[in-house]
PDB file of N, CA and C in Angstrom:
ATOM      1  N   MET A   1     -82.310  -3.407  67.976  1.00  0.00           N
ATOM      2  CA  MET A   1     -82.008  -2.296  68.856  1.00  0.00           C
ATOM      3  C   MET A   1     -82.377  -0.996  68.145  1.00  0.00           C
ATOM      4  N   ASN A   2     -82.853  -0.061  68.892  1.00  0.00           N
ATOM      5  CA  ASN A   2     -83.271   1.214  68.355  1.00  0.00           C
ATOM      6  C   ASN A   2     -82.076   1.992  67.795  1.00  0.00           C
ATOM      7  N   ASP A   3     -82.227   2.535  66.585  1.00  0.00           N
ATOM      8  CA  ASP A   3     -81.133   3.284  65.959  1.00  0.00           C
ATOM      9  C   ASP A   3     -80.760   4.531  66.746  1.00  0.00           C
ATOM     10  N   LYS A   4     -81.741   5.150  67.408  1.00  0.00           N
ATOM     11  CA  LYS A   4     -81.441   6.348  68.191  1.00  0.00           C
ATOM     12  C   LYS A   4     -80.543   6.017  69.381  1.00  0.00           C
ATOM     13  N   ILE A   5     -80.723   4.854  69.956  1.00  0.00           N
ATOM     14  CA  ILE A   5     -79.882   4.462  71.086  1.00  0.00           C
ATOM     15  C   ILE A   5     -78.433   4.338  70.630  1.00  0.00           C
ATOM     16  N   LEU A   6     -78.215   3.708  69.490  1.00  0.00           N
ATOM     17  CA  LEU A   6     -76.854   3.590  68.968  1.00  0.00           C
ATOM     18  C   LEU A   6     -76.261   4.957  68.649  1.00  0.00           C
ATOM     19  N   LEU A   7     -77.080   5.864  68.122  1.00  0.00           N
ATOM     20  CA  LEU A   7     -76.623   7.220  67.848  1.00  0.00           C
ATOM     21  C   LEU A   7     -76.228   7.925  69.146  1.00  0.00           C
ATOM     22  N   TYR A   8     -77.052   7.791  70.183  1.00  0.00           N
ATOM     23  CA  TYR A   8     -76.752   8.418  71.471  1.00  0.00           C
ATOM     24  C   TYR A   8     -75.473   7.851  72.083  1.00  0.00           C
ATOM     25  N   ILE A   9     -75.303   6.555  71.990  1.00  0.00           N
ATOM     26  CA  ILE A   9     -74.080   5.935  72.516  1.00  0.00           C
ATOM     27  C   ILE A   9     -72.863   6.454  71.760  1.00  0.00           C
ATOM     28  N   GLY A  10     -72.964   6.543  70.457  1.00  0.00           N
ATOM     29  CA  GLY A  10     -71.862   7.076  69.660  1.00  0.00           C
ATOM     30  C   GLY A  10     -71.555   8.526  69.987  1.00  0.00           C
ATOM     31  N   LEU A  11     -72.579   9.339  70.136  1.00  0.00           N
ATOM     32  CA  LEU A  11     -72.367  10.746  70.498  1.00  0.00           C
ATOM     33  C   LEU A  11     -71.747  10.880  71.881  1.00  0.00           C
ATOM     34  N   MET A  12     -72.186  10.055  72.824  1.00  0.00           N
ATOM     35  CA  MET A  12     -71.592  10.100  74.169  1.00  0.00           C
ATOM     36  C   MET A  12     -70.126   9.687  74.131  1.00  0.00           C
ATOM     37  N   ALA A  13     -69.797   8.718  73.309  1.00  0.00           N
ATOM     38  CA  ALA A  13     -68.396   8.296  73.177  1.00  0.00           C
ATOM     39  C   ALA A  13     -67.548   9.418  72.589  1.00  0.00           C
ATOM     40  N   ILE A  14     -68.071  10.093  71.591  1.00  0.00           N
ATOM     41  CA  ILE A  14     -67.326  11.206  70.984  1.00  0.00           C
ATOM     42  C   ILE A  14     -67.143  12.338  71.983  1.00  0.00           C
ATOM     43  N   ILE A  15     -68.191  12.696  72.690  1.00  0.00           N
ATOM     44  CA  ILE A  15     -68.092  13.776  73.681  1.00  0.00           C
ATOM     45  C   ILE A  15     -67.119  13.403  74.788  1.00  0.00           C
ATOM     46  N   THR A  16     -67.165  12.169  75.240  1.00  0.00           N
ATOM     47  CA  THR A  16     -66.234  11.723  76.277  1.00  0.00           C
ATOM     48  C   THR A  16     -64.794  11.819  75.779  1.00  0.00           C
ATOM     49  N   TYR A  17     -64.566  11.387  74.558  1.00  0.00           N
ATOM     50  CA  TYR A  17     -63.218  11.451  73.988  1.00  0.00           C
ATOM     51  C   TYR A  17     -62.757  12.894  73.849  1.00  0.00           C
ATOM     52  N   LEU A  18     -63.622  13.761  73.364  1.00  0.00           N
ATOM     53  CA  LEU A  18     -63.246  15.159  73.153  1.00  0.00           C
ATOM     54  C   LEU A  18     -62.968  15.898  74.460  1.00  0.00           C
ATOM     55  N   THR A  19     -63.615  15.510  75.533  1.00  0.00           N
ATOM     56  CA  THR A  19     -63.347  16.168  76.814  1.00  0.00           C
ATOM     57  C   THR A  19     -62.049  15.685  77.444  1.00  0.00           C
ATOM     58  N   ARG A  20     -61.596  14.513  77.097  1.00  0.00           N
ATOM     59  CA  ARG A  20     -60.357  13.986  77.673  1.00  0.00           C
ATOM     60  C   ARG A  20     -59.132  14.219  76.789  1.00  0.00           C
ATOM     61  N   PHE A  21     -59.339  14.349  75.515  1.00  0.00           N
ATOM     62  CA  PHE A  21     -58.237  14.471  74.576  1.00  0.00           C
ATOM     63  C   PHE A  21     -57.313  15.659  74.857  1.00  0.00           C
ATOM     64  N   PRO A  22     -57.824  16.866  75.082  1.00  0.00           N
ATOM     65  CA  PRO A  22     -56.898  17.985  75.326  1.00  0.00           C
ATOM     66  C   PRO A  22     -55.989  17.758  76.532  1.00  0.00           C
ATOM     67  N   MET A  23     -56.508  17.189  77.598  1.00  0.00           N
ATOM     68  CA  MET A  23     -55.683  16.947  78.780  1.00  0.00           C
ATOM     69  C   MET A  23     -54.631  15.877  78.509  1.00  0.00           C
ATOM     70  N   LEU A  24     -54.976  14.877  77.725  1.00  0.00           N
ATOM     71  CA  LEU A  24     -53.986  13.861  77.369  1.00  0.00           C
ATOM     72  C   LEU A  24     -52.853  14.460  76.542  1.00  0.00           C
ATOM     73  N   VAL A  25     -53.180  15.346  75.620  1.00  0.00           N
ATOM     74  CA  VAL A  25     -52.154  15.983  74.793  1.00  0.00           C
ATOM     75  C   VAL A  25     -51.271  16.873  75.657  1.00  0.00           C
ATOM     76  N   ILE A  26     -51.894  17.677  76.510  1.00  0.00           N
ATOM     77  CA  ILE A  26     -51.125  18.587  77.373  1.00  0.00           C
ATOM     78  C   ILE A  26     -50.226  17.804  78.320  1.00  0.00           C
ATOM     79  N   SER A  27     -50.764  16.769  78.945  1.00  0.00           N
ATOM     80  CA  SER A  27     -49.970  16.022  79.921  1.00  0.00           C
ATOM     81  C   SER A  27     -48.848  15.221  79.264  1.00  0.00           C
ATOM     82  N   SER A  28     -48.987  14.888  77.998  1.00  0.00           N
ATOM     83  CA  SER A  28     -47.911  14.150  77.330  1.00  0.00           C
ATOM     84  C   SER A  28     -46.765  15.071  76.913  1.00  0.00           C
ATOM     85  N   ARG A  29     -47.026  16.358  76.821  1.00  0.00           N
ATOM     86  CA  ARG A  29     -45.992  17.297  76.374  1.00  0.00           C
ATOM     87  C   ARG A  29     -45.373  18.106  77.509  1.00  0.00           C
ATOM     88  N   LEU A  30     -46.003  18.124  78.655  1.00  0.00           N
ATOM     89  CA  LEU A  30     -45.496  18.895  79.786  1.00  0.00           C
ATOM     90  C   LEU A  30     -45.127  17.964  80.928  1.00  0.00           C
ATOM     91  N   GLU A  31     -44.186  18.372  81.728  1.00  0.00           N
ATOM     92  CA  GLU A  31     -43.813  17.616  82.920  1.00  0.00           C
ATOM     93  C   GLU A  31     -44.767  18.015  84.050  1.00  0.00           C
ATOM     94  N   ILE A  32     -45.404  17.037  84.632  1.00  0.00           N
ATOM     95  CA  ILE A  32     -46.340  17.297  85.731  1.00  0.00           C
ATOM     96  C   ILE A  32     -45.544  17.392  87.026  1.00  0.00           C
ATOM     97  N   PRO A  33     -45.772  18.462  87.813  1.00  0.00           N
ATOM     98  CA  PRO A  33     -45.036  18.605  89.076  1.00  0.00           C
ATOM     99  C   PRO A  33     -45.356  17.467  90.048  1.00  0.00           C
ATOM    100  N   ALA A  34     -44.427  17.186  90.926  1.00  0.00           N
ATOM    101  CA  ALA A  34     -44.585  16.083  91.885  1.00  0.00           C
ATOM    102  C   ALA A  34     -45.781  16.307  92.793  1.00  0.00           C
ATOM    103  N   TRP A  35     -46.022  17.549  93.222  1.00  0.00           N
ATOM    104  CA  TRP A  35     -47.149  17.812  94.127  1.00  0.00           C
ATOM    105  C   TRP A  35     -48.483  17.529  93.440  1.00  0.00           C
ATOM    106  N   LEU A  36     -48.562  17.789  92.115  1.00  0.00           N
ATOM    107  CA  LEU A  36     -49.791  17.503  91.383  1.00  0.00           C
ATOM    108  C   LEU A  36     -49.965  16.001  91.194  1.00  0.00           C
ATOM    109  N   LYS A  37     -48.870  15.277  90.949  1.00  0.00           N
ATOM    110  CA  LYS A  37     -48.953  13.816  90.831  1.00  0.00           C
ATOM    111  C   LYS A  37     -49.444  13.189  92.131  1.00  0.00           C
ATOM    112  N   ARG A  38     -48.934  13.696  93.277  1.00  0.00           N
ATOM    113  CA  ARG A  38     -49.392  13.179  94.573  1.00  0.00           C
ATOM    114  C   ARG A  38     -50.878  13.461  94.769  1.00  0.00           C
ATOM    115  N   GLY A  39     -51.297  14.644  94.386  1.00  0.00           N
ATOM    116  CA  GLY A  39     -52.705  14.993  94.514  1.00  0.00           C
ATOM    117  C   GLY A  39     -53.594  14.146  93.625  1.00  0.00           C
ATOM    118  N   LEU A  40     -53.166  13.933  92.394  1.00  0.00           N
ATOM    119  CA  LEU A  40     -53.949  13.115  91.474  1.00  0.00           C
ATOM    120  C   LEU A  40     -53.990  11.649  91.903  1.00  0.00           C
ATOM    121  N   ALA A  41     -52.964  11.195  92.617  1.00  0.00           N
ATOM    122  CA  ALA A  41     -52.957   9.817  93.104  1.00  0.00           C
ATOM    123  C   ALA A  41     -54.042   9.595  94.157  1.00  0.00           C
ATOM    124  N   MET A  42     -54.511  10.671  94.796  1.00  0.00           N
ATOM    125  CA  MET A  42     -55.531  10.542  95.829  1.00  0.00           C
ATOM    126  C   MET A  42     -56.958  10.623  95.274  1.00  0.00           C
ATOM    127  N   VAL A  43     -57.103  10.903  93.998  1.00  0.00           N
ATOM    128  CA  VAL A  43     -58.439  11.022  93.398  1.00  0.00           C
ATOM    129  C   VAL A  43     -59.246   9.728  93.527  1.00  0.00           C
ATOM    130  N   PRO A  44     -58.690   8.542  93.232  1.00  0.00           N
ATOM    131  CA  PRO A  44     -59.502   7.326  93.380  1.00  0.00           C
ATOM    132  C   PRO A  44     -60.000   7.111  94.804  1.00  0.00           C
ATOM    133  N   VAL A  45     -59.181   7.427  95.797  1.00  0.00           N
ATOM    134  CA  VAL A  45     -59.599   7.269  97.194  1.00  0.00           C
ATOM    135  C   VAL A  45     -60.742   8.227  97.507  1.00  0.00           C
ATOM    136  N   GLY A  46     -60.632   9.453  97.024  1.00  0.00           N
ATOM    137  CA  GLY A  46     -61.684  10.435  97.256  1.00  0.00           C
ATOM    138  C   GLY A  46     -62.989  10.052  96.586  1.00  0.00           C
ATOM    139  N   VAL A  47     -62.898   9.577  95.365  1.00  0.00           N
ATOM    140  CA  VAL A  47     -64.107   9.156  94.650  1.00  0.00           C
ATOM    141  C   VAL A  47     -64.731   7.952  95.333  1.00  0.00           C
ATOM    142  N   PHE A  48     -63.908   6.986  95.717  1.00  0.00           N
ATOM    143  CA  PHE A  48     -64.413   5.790  96.382  1.00  0.00           C
ATOM    144  C   PHE A  48     -65.120   6.140  97.687  1.00  0.00           C
ATOM    145  N   SER A  49     -64.489   6.984  98.494  1.00  0.00           N
ATOM    146  CA  SER A  49     -65.105   7.322  99.780  1.00  0.00           C
ATOM    147  C   SER A  49     -66.352   8.176  99.598  1.00  0.00           C
ATOM    148  N   SER A  50     -66.382   9.044  98.590  1.00  0.00           N
ATOM    149  CA  SER A  50     -67.581   9.853  98.377  1.00  0.00           C
ATOM    150  C   SER A  50     -68.743   9.024  97.843  1.00  0.00           C
ATOM    151  N   MET A  51     -68.439   7.879  97.253  1.00  0.00           N
ATOM    152  CA  MET A  51     -69.500   7.001  96.762  1.00  0.00           C
ATOM    153  C   MET A  51     -69.956   5.981  97.804  1.00  0.00           C
ATOM    154  N   THR A  52     -69.130   5.698  98.796  1.00  0.00           N
ATOM    155  CA  THR A  52     -69.484   4.648  99.748  1.00  0.00           C
ATOM    156  C   THR A  52     -69.906   5.166 101.121  1.00  0.00           C
ATOM    157  N   ILE A  53     -69.271   6.199 101.631  1.00  0.00           N
ATOM    158  CA  ILE A  53     -69.570   6.676 102.984  1.00  0.00           C
ATOM    159  C   ILE A  53     -71.004   7.195 103.111  1.00  0.00           C
ATOM    160  N   PRO A  54     -71.500   8.065 102.210  1.00  0.00           N
ATOM    161  CA  PRO A  54     -72.881   8.544 102.388  1.00  0.00           C
ATOM    162  C   PRO A  54     -73.939   7.443 102.417  1.00  0.00           C
ATOM    163  N   PRO A  55     -73.893   6.447 101.516  1.00  0.00           N
ATOM    164  CA  PRO A  55     -74.914   5.400 101.632  1.00  0.00           C
ATOM    165  C   PRO A  55     -74.817   4.605 102.936  1.00  0.00           C
ATOM    166  N   ILE A  56     -73.596   4.433 103.441  1.00  0.00           N
ATOM    167  CA  ILE A  56     -73.445   3.663 104.681  1.00  0.00           C
ATOM    168  C   ILE A  56     -73.995   4.449 105.867  1.00  0.00           C
ATOM    169  N   LEU A  57     -73.604   5.705 105.976  1.00  0.00           N
ATOM    170  CA  LEU A  57     -73.977   6.489 107.156  1.00  0.00           C
ATOM    171  C   LEU A  57     -75.352   7.130 107.070  1.00  0.00           C
ATOM    172  N   PHE A  58     -75.815   7.424 105.871  1.00  0.00           N
ATOM    173  CA  PHE A  58     -77.066   8.162 105.752  1.00  0.00           C
ATOM    174  C   PHE A  58     -78.198   7.358 105.146  1.00  0.00           C
ATOM    175  N   HIS A  59     -78.013   6.072 104.959  1.00  0.00           N
ATOM    176  CA  HIS A  59     -79.100   5.200 104.513  1.00  0.00           C
ATOM    177  C   HIS A  59     -79.853   4.764 105.765  1.00  0.00           C
ATOM    178  N   THR A  60     -80.769   5.601 106.181  1.00  0.00           N
ATOM    179  CA  THR A  60     -81.437   5.371 107.461  1.00  0.00           C
ATOM    180  C   THR A  60     -82.941   5.211 107.271  1.00  0.00           C
ATOM    181  N   PRO A  61     -83.388   4.021 106.935  1.00  0.00           N
ATOM    182  CA  PRO A  61     -84.839   3.823 106.862  1.00  0.00           C
ATOM    183  C   PRO A  61     -85.429   3.870 108.278  1.00  0.00           C
ATOM    184  N   ASN A  62     -86.466   4.606 108.438  1.00  0.00           N
ATOM    185  CA  ASN A  62     -87.163   4.757 109.734  1.00  0.00           C
ATOM    186  C   ASN A  62     -86.250   5.321 110.811  1.00  0.00           C
ATOM    187  N   GLY A  63     -85.255   6.090 110.439  1.00  0.00           N
ATOM    188  CA  GLY A  63     -84.396   6.748 111.418  1.00  0.00           C
ATOM    189  C   GLY A  63     -83.345   5.863 112.060  1.00  0.00           C
ATOM    190  N   THR A  64     -83.168   4.638 111.571  1.00  0.00           N
ATOM    191  CA  THR A  64     -82.135   3.752 112.123  1.00  0.00           C
ATOM    192  C   THR A  64     -81.162   3.373 111.017  1.00  0.00           C
ATOM    193  N   TRP A  65     -79.938   3.107 111.402  1.00  0.00           N
ATOM    194  CA  TRP A  65     -78.951   2.694 110.414  1.00  0.00           C
ATOM    195  C   TRP A  65     -79.279   1.301 109.909  1.00  0.00           C
ATOM    196  N   SER A  66     -78.995   1.077 108.640  1.00  0.00           N
ATOM    197  CA  SER A  66     -79.254  -0.212 108.027  1.00  0.00           C
ATOM    198  C   SER A  66     -78.131  -1.181 108.398  1.00  0.00           C
ATOM    199  N   PRO A  67     -78.466  -2.308 109.037  1.00  0.00           N
ATOM    200  CA  PRO A  67     -77.416  -3.252 109.424  1.00  0.00           C
ATOM    201  C   PRO A  67     -76.654  -3.825 108.229  1.00  0.00           C
ATOM    202  N   GLU A  68     -77.341  -4.045 107.110  1.00  0.00           N
ATOM    203  CA  GLU A  68     -76.638  -4.616 105.959  1.00  0.00           C
ATOM    204  C   GLU A  68     -75.586  -3.644 105.423  1.00  0.00           C
ATOM    205  N   TYR A  69     -75.874  -2.365 105.438  1.00  0.00           N
ATOM    206  CA  TYR A  69     -74.898  -1.380 104.972  1.00  0.00           C
ATOM    207  C   TYR A  69     -73.746  -1.241 105.957  1.00  0.00           C
ATOM    208  N   MET A  70     -74.038  -1.315 107.237  1.00  0.00           N
ATOM    209  CA  MET A  70     -72.981  -1.192 108.237  1.00  0.00           C
ATOM    210  C   MET A  70     -72.034  -2.401 108.170  1.00  0.00           C
ATOM    211  N   VAL A  71     -72.585  -3.599 108.027  1.00  0.00           N
ATOM    212  CA  VAL A  71     -71.753  -4.806 107.944  1.00  0.00           C
ATOM    213  C   VAL A  71     -70.928  -4.790 106.657  1.00  0.00           C
ATOM    214  N   ALA A  72     -71.554  -4.425 105.545  1.00  0.00           N
ATOM    215  CA  ALA A  72     -70.827  -4.374 104.271  1.00  0.00           C
ATOM    216  C   ALA A  72     -69.748  -3.291 104.319  1.00  0.00           C
ATOM    217  N   GLY A  73     -70.039  -2.157 104.912  1.00  0.00           N
ATOM    218  CA  GLY A  73     -69.047  -1.091 105.038  1.00  0.00           C
ATOM    219  C   GLY A  73     -67.878  -1.497 105.905  1.00  0.00           C
ATOM    220  N   THR A  74     -68.169  -2.196 106.996  1.00  0.00           N
ATOM    221  CA  THR A  74     -67.102  -2.674 107.872  1.00  0.00           C
ATOM    222  C   THR A  74     -66.233  -3.704 107.162  1.00  0.00           C
ATOM    223  N   ALA A  75     -66.864  -4.603 106.420  1.00  0.00           N
ATOM    224  CA  ALA A  75     -66.099  -5.602 105.665  1.00  0.00           C
ATOM    225  C   ALA A  75     -65.234  -4.924 104.601  1.00  0.00           C
ATOM    226  N   ALA A  76     -65.796  -3.947 103.906  1.00  0.00           N
ATOM    227  CA  ALA A  76     -65.034  -3.241 102.879  1.00  0.00           C
ATOM    228  C   ALA A  76     -63.858  -2.489 103.493  1.00  0.00           C
ATOM    229  N   LEU A  77     -64.090  -1.871 104.640  1.00  0.00           N
ATOM    230  CA  LEU A  77     -63.003  -1.160 105.320  1.00  0.00           C
ATOM    231  C   LEU A  77     -61.902  -2.123 105.747  1.00  0.00           C
ATOM    232  N   ALA A  78     -62.293  -3.267 106.301  1.00  0.00           N
ATOM    233  CA  ALA A  78     -61.305  -4.250 106.749  1.00  0.00           C
ATOM    234  C   ALA A  78     -60.473  -4.773 105.579  1.00  0.00           C
ATOM    235  N   VAL A  79     -61.144  -5.114 104.494  1.00  0.00           N
ATOM    236  CA  VAL A  79     -60.417  -5.627 103.324  1.00  0.00           C
ATOM    237  C   VAL A  79     -59.550  -4.526 102.715  1.00  0.00           C
ATOM    238  N   GLY A  80     -60.054  -3.303 102.694  1.00  0.00           N
ATOM    239  CA  GLY A  80     -59.273  -2.192 102.161  1.00  0.00           C
ATOM    240  C   GLY A  80     -58.016  -1.931 102.971  1.00  0.00           C
ATOM    241  N   LEU A  81     -58.133  -1.990 104.282  1.00  0.00           N
ATOM    242  CA  LEU A  81     -56.953  -1.803 105.126  1.00  0.00           C
ATOM    243  C   LEU A  81     -55.979  -2.966 104.996  1.00  0.00           C
ATOM    244  N   TRP A  82     -56.513  -4.161 104.790  1.00  0.00           N
ATOM    245  CA  TRP A  82     -55.675  -5.352 104.676  1.00  0.00           C
ATOM    246  C   TRP A  82     -54.965  -5.392 103.322  1.00  0.00           C
ATOM    247  N   LYS A  83     -55.715  -5.255 102.231  1.00  0.00           N
ATOM    248  CA  LYS A  83     -55.163  -5.418 100.891  1.00  0.00           C
ATOM    249  C   LYS A  83     -54.580  -4.132 100.311  1.00  0.00           C
ATOM    250  N   LYS A  84     -55.010  -2.985 100.824  1.00  0.00           N
ATOM    251  CA  LYS A  84     -54.568  -1.679 100.310  1.00  0.00           C
ATOM    252  C   LYS A  84     -54.953  -1.492  98.835  1.00  0.00           C
ATOM    253  N   GLN A  85     -56.089  -2.046  98.451  1.00  0.00           N
ATOM    254  CA  GLN A  85     -56.589  -1.928  97.084  1.00  0.00           C
ATOM    255  C   GLN A  85     -58.073  -1.585  97.125  1.00  0.00           C
ATOM    256  N   ILE A  86     -58.442  -0.520  96.422  1.00  0.00           N
ATOM    257  CA  ILE A  86     -59.832  -0.078  96.408  1.00  0.00           C
ATOM    258  C   ILE A  86     -60.739  -1.131  95.769  1.00  0.00           C
ATOM    259  N   VAL A  87     -60.268  -1.755  94.725  1.00  0.00           N
ATOM    260  CA  VAL A  87     -61.102  -2.729  94.014  1.00  0.00           C
ATOM    261  C   VAL A  87     -61.486  -3.892  94.932  1.00  0.00           C
ATOM    262  N   TRP A  88     -60.527  -4.392  95.716  1.00  0.00           N
ATOM    263  CA  TRP A  88     -60.830  -5.501  96.631  1.00  0.00           C
ATOM    264  C   TRP A  88     -61.805  -5.064  97.712  1.00  0.00           C
ATOM    265  N   ALA A  89     -61.647  -3.845  98.207  1.00  0.00           N
ATOM    266  CA  ALA A  89     -62.577  -3.325  99.217  1.00  0.00           C
ATOM    267  C   ALA A  89     -63.982  -3.216  98.647  1.00  0.00           C
ATOM    268  N   LEU A  90     -64.081  -2.703  97.444  1.00  0.00           N
ATOM    269  CA  LEU A  90     -65.381  -2.573  96.794  1.00  0.00           C
ATOM    270  C   LEU A  90     -66.022  -3.935  96.573  1.00  0.00           C
ATOM    271  N   LEU A  91     -65.253  -4.872  96.083  1.00  0.00           N
ATOM    272  CA  LEU A  91     -65.779  -6.219  95.852  1.00  0.00           C
ATOM    273  C   LEU A  91     -66.213  -6.879  97.154  1.00  0.00           C
ATOM    274  N   ALA A  92     -65.454  -6.667  98.220  1.00  0.00           N
ATOM    275  CA  ALA A  92     -65.831  -7.242  99.516  1.00  0.00           C
ATOM    276  C   ALA A  92     -67.164  -6.683  99.985  1.00  0.00           C
ATOM    277  N   GLY A  93     -67.342  -5.380  99.858  1.00  0.00           N
ATOM    278  CA  GLY A  93     -68.605  -4.768 100.256  1.00  0.00           C
ATOM    279  C   GLY A  93     -69.774  -5.281  99.443  1.00  0.00           C
ATOM    280  N   VAL A  94     -69.575  -5.417  98.146  1.00  0.00           N
ATOM    281  CA  VAL A  94     -70.645  -5.911  97.275  1.00  0.00           C
ATOM    282  C   VAL A  94     -70.987  -7.362  97.597  1.00  0.00           C
ATOM    283  N   VAL A  95     -69.972  -8.180  97.812  1.00  0.00           N
ATOM    284  CA  VAL A  95     -70.210  -9.596  98.136  1.00  0.00           C
ATOM    285  C   VAL A  95     -70.946  -9.718  99.467  1.00  0.00           C
ATOM    286  N   VAL A  96     -70.527  -8.952 100.460  1.00  0.00           N
ATOM    287  CA  VAL A  96     -71.177  -9.035 101.775  1.00  0.00           C
ATOM    288  C   VAL A  96     -72.628  -8.605 101.690  1.00  0.00           C
ATOM    289  N   ILE A  97     -72.902  -7.521 100.972  1.00  0.00           N
ATOM    290  CA  ILE A  97     -74.291  -7.065 100.870  1.00  0.00           C
ATOM    291  C   ILE A  97     -75.137  -8.069 100.084  1.00  0.00           C
ATOM    292  N   ALA A  98     -74.559  -8.686  99.051  1.00  0.00           N
ATOM    293  CA  ALA A  98     -75.296  -9.694  98.280  1.00  0.00           C
ATOM    294  C   ALA A  98     -75.589 -10.927  99.141  1.00  0.00           C
ATOM    295  N   LEU A  99     -74.581 -11.366  99.904  1.00  0.00           N
ATOM    296  CA  LEU A  99     -74.807 -12.510 100.794  1.00  0.00           C
ATOM    297  C   LEU A  99     -75.828 -12.186 101.873  1.00  0.00           C
ATOM    298  N   TRP A 100     -75.751 -10.986 102.424  1.00  0.00           N
ATOM    299  CA  TRP A 100     -76.702 -10.563 103.456  1.00  0.00           C
ATOM    300  C   TRP A 100     -78.134 -10.632 102.913  1.00  0.00           C
ATOM    301  N   ARG A 101     -78.330 -10.117 101.725  1.00  0.00           N
ATOM    302  CA  ARG A 101     -79.680 -10.107 101.140  1.00  0.00           C
ATOM    303  C   ARG A 101     -80.143 -11.505 100.775  1.00  0.00           C
ATOM    304  N   GLN A 102     -79.224 -12.371 100.342  1.00  0.00           N
ATOM    305  CA  GLN A 102     -79.612 -13.751 100.045  1.00  0.00           C
ATOM    306  C   GLN A 102     -79.997 -14.490 101.331  1.00  0.00           C
ATOM    307  N   LEU A 103     -79.213 -14.272 102.390  1.00  0.00           N
ATOM    308  CA  LEU A 103     -79.542 -14.917 103.661  1.00  0.00           C
ATOM    309  C   LEU A 103     -80.826 -14.362 104.253  1.00  0.00           C
ATOM    310  N   ALA A 104     -81.069 -13.083 104.093  1.00  0.00           N
ATOM    311  CA  ALA A 104     -82.311 -12.491 104.587  1.00  0.00           C
ATOM    312  C   ALA A 104     -83.512 -13.042 103.838  1.00  0.00           C
ATOM    313  N   ALA A 105     -83.371 -13.289 102.540  1.00  0.00           N
ATOM    314  CA  ALA A 105     -84.464 -13.851 101.761  1.00  0.00           C
ATOM    315  C   ALA A 105     -84.684 -15.314 102.115  1.00  0.00           C
ATOM    316  N   PHE A 106     -83.598 -15.990 102.517  1.00  0.00           N
ATOM    317  CA  PHE A 106     -83.687 -17.406 102.853  1.00  0.00           C
ATOM    318  C   PHE A 106     -84.405 -17.621 104.183  1.00  0.00           C
ATOM    319  N   PHE A 107     -84.126 -16.748 105.152  1.00  0.00           N
ATOM    320  CA  PHE A 107     -84.730 -16.893 106.486  1.00  0.00           C
ATOM    321  C   PHE A 107     -85.983 -16.133 106.542  1.00  0.00           C
TER     322      PHE A 107
END
């Protein structure tokens, strides 16, 4: 493996740690208000939806919606509403899209 790659990985790890460390120290010494805790609890939902909704709705080859994205998005939404867990919804969407592409290659 290239030595520069290992150096870059190490530098990225240090930078990542240094950007998170001050907030960890501050949050361990101060009481976080309830309204901020509620807001921070919604961050994973916001990140998940910002990563999944645009590809589903705006992945339009030739001006039409992609059926594989619509089916995978619907499956992910159904599993997310059922299980109430982002990870299960994400996995459902990935599995459906993988199966769709395997079946499309088969036929």
